[in-house]
Amino acid sequence: TSCGVAVPQPIAESCNEPCVQQCPDSTVVIYPPPVVVTIPGPILSTFPQQSVVGSAGAPEVGTGFSAARAP
């Protein structure tokens, strides 16, 4: 009361600082989602070889034709 005026005491004190409270860390287990990967299968192709049934001679190796049919 320096100037003779009575000033009431504050009921509560306040400040302008933000209130920050640190909470304990949490542990989270994240599993990767299942991923479907399509791998193309092999392509199976057959190439039937020409054959002559009832020929008199033995077929030549690698040609698939009978020796009797050769010109």
Foldseek 3Di string as FASTA:
>chain_A
DVVPDDDDDDPDDDDDDDDDDDDDDDDDDDDDDDDDDDDDDDDDDDDDAAADPPDDAPCDPPRRYGPNPDD
